[in-house]
Amino acid sequence: MNILSGIDVTAGALNAQKTRLDIVAQNIANAQTTRGPDGLPYQRKTVSFETELLRNTKAGGASLQSVHVGKISPDTTPGARVYDPSHPDAQKDGFVNMPNVNMAFEMVDLMSASRAYEANLSVVKNSRQMALKAMEIGK
């Protein structure tokens, strides 16, 4: 019997939120990248989560659901066009295609992911503390 089964579930959620934080950081870092390796402006990336069923095969206990990253996909909305004829990536008409990264959206996503990470970390700490208190009962 795994006394800390909640930690198995929470570990998946922590990994998923870490990936989400990494993608948000990547979006913020490339908010001004007008030319990537493919020659196009950077496209914002988004993370989709999926649930997965964790089966307890040894004890035949109840199955648990955890979260993992389903896919990381590019946001296909077009970026802004800015008139800047002196920019090295300016087109013949003087406009530059900018990345579709909106800093307000990224900051909201960053705060949301950070709060979810902290909440999952609290679950781990409380599960550990409950397990320690349960072991003290038998003493």
Foldseek 3Di string as FASTA:
>chain_A
DDLLVLLVQLVQVLQALVVLLVLLVVLVVQQFAQQDPVGHRDFRKGWDKDKDWAADPPVRDDIDIHIHTPDIGTDPDFADWDQAQVDPQADPVRIGGGYNRDVVVSVVSNVVSVVSNVVSVVVSVVSVVVVVVVVVVVD
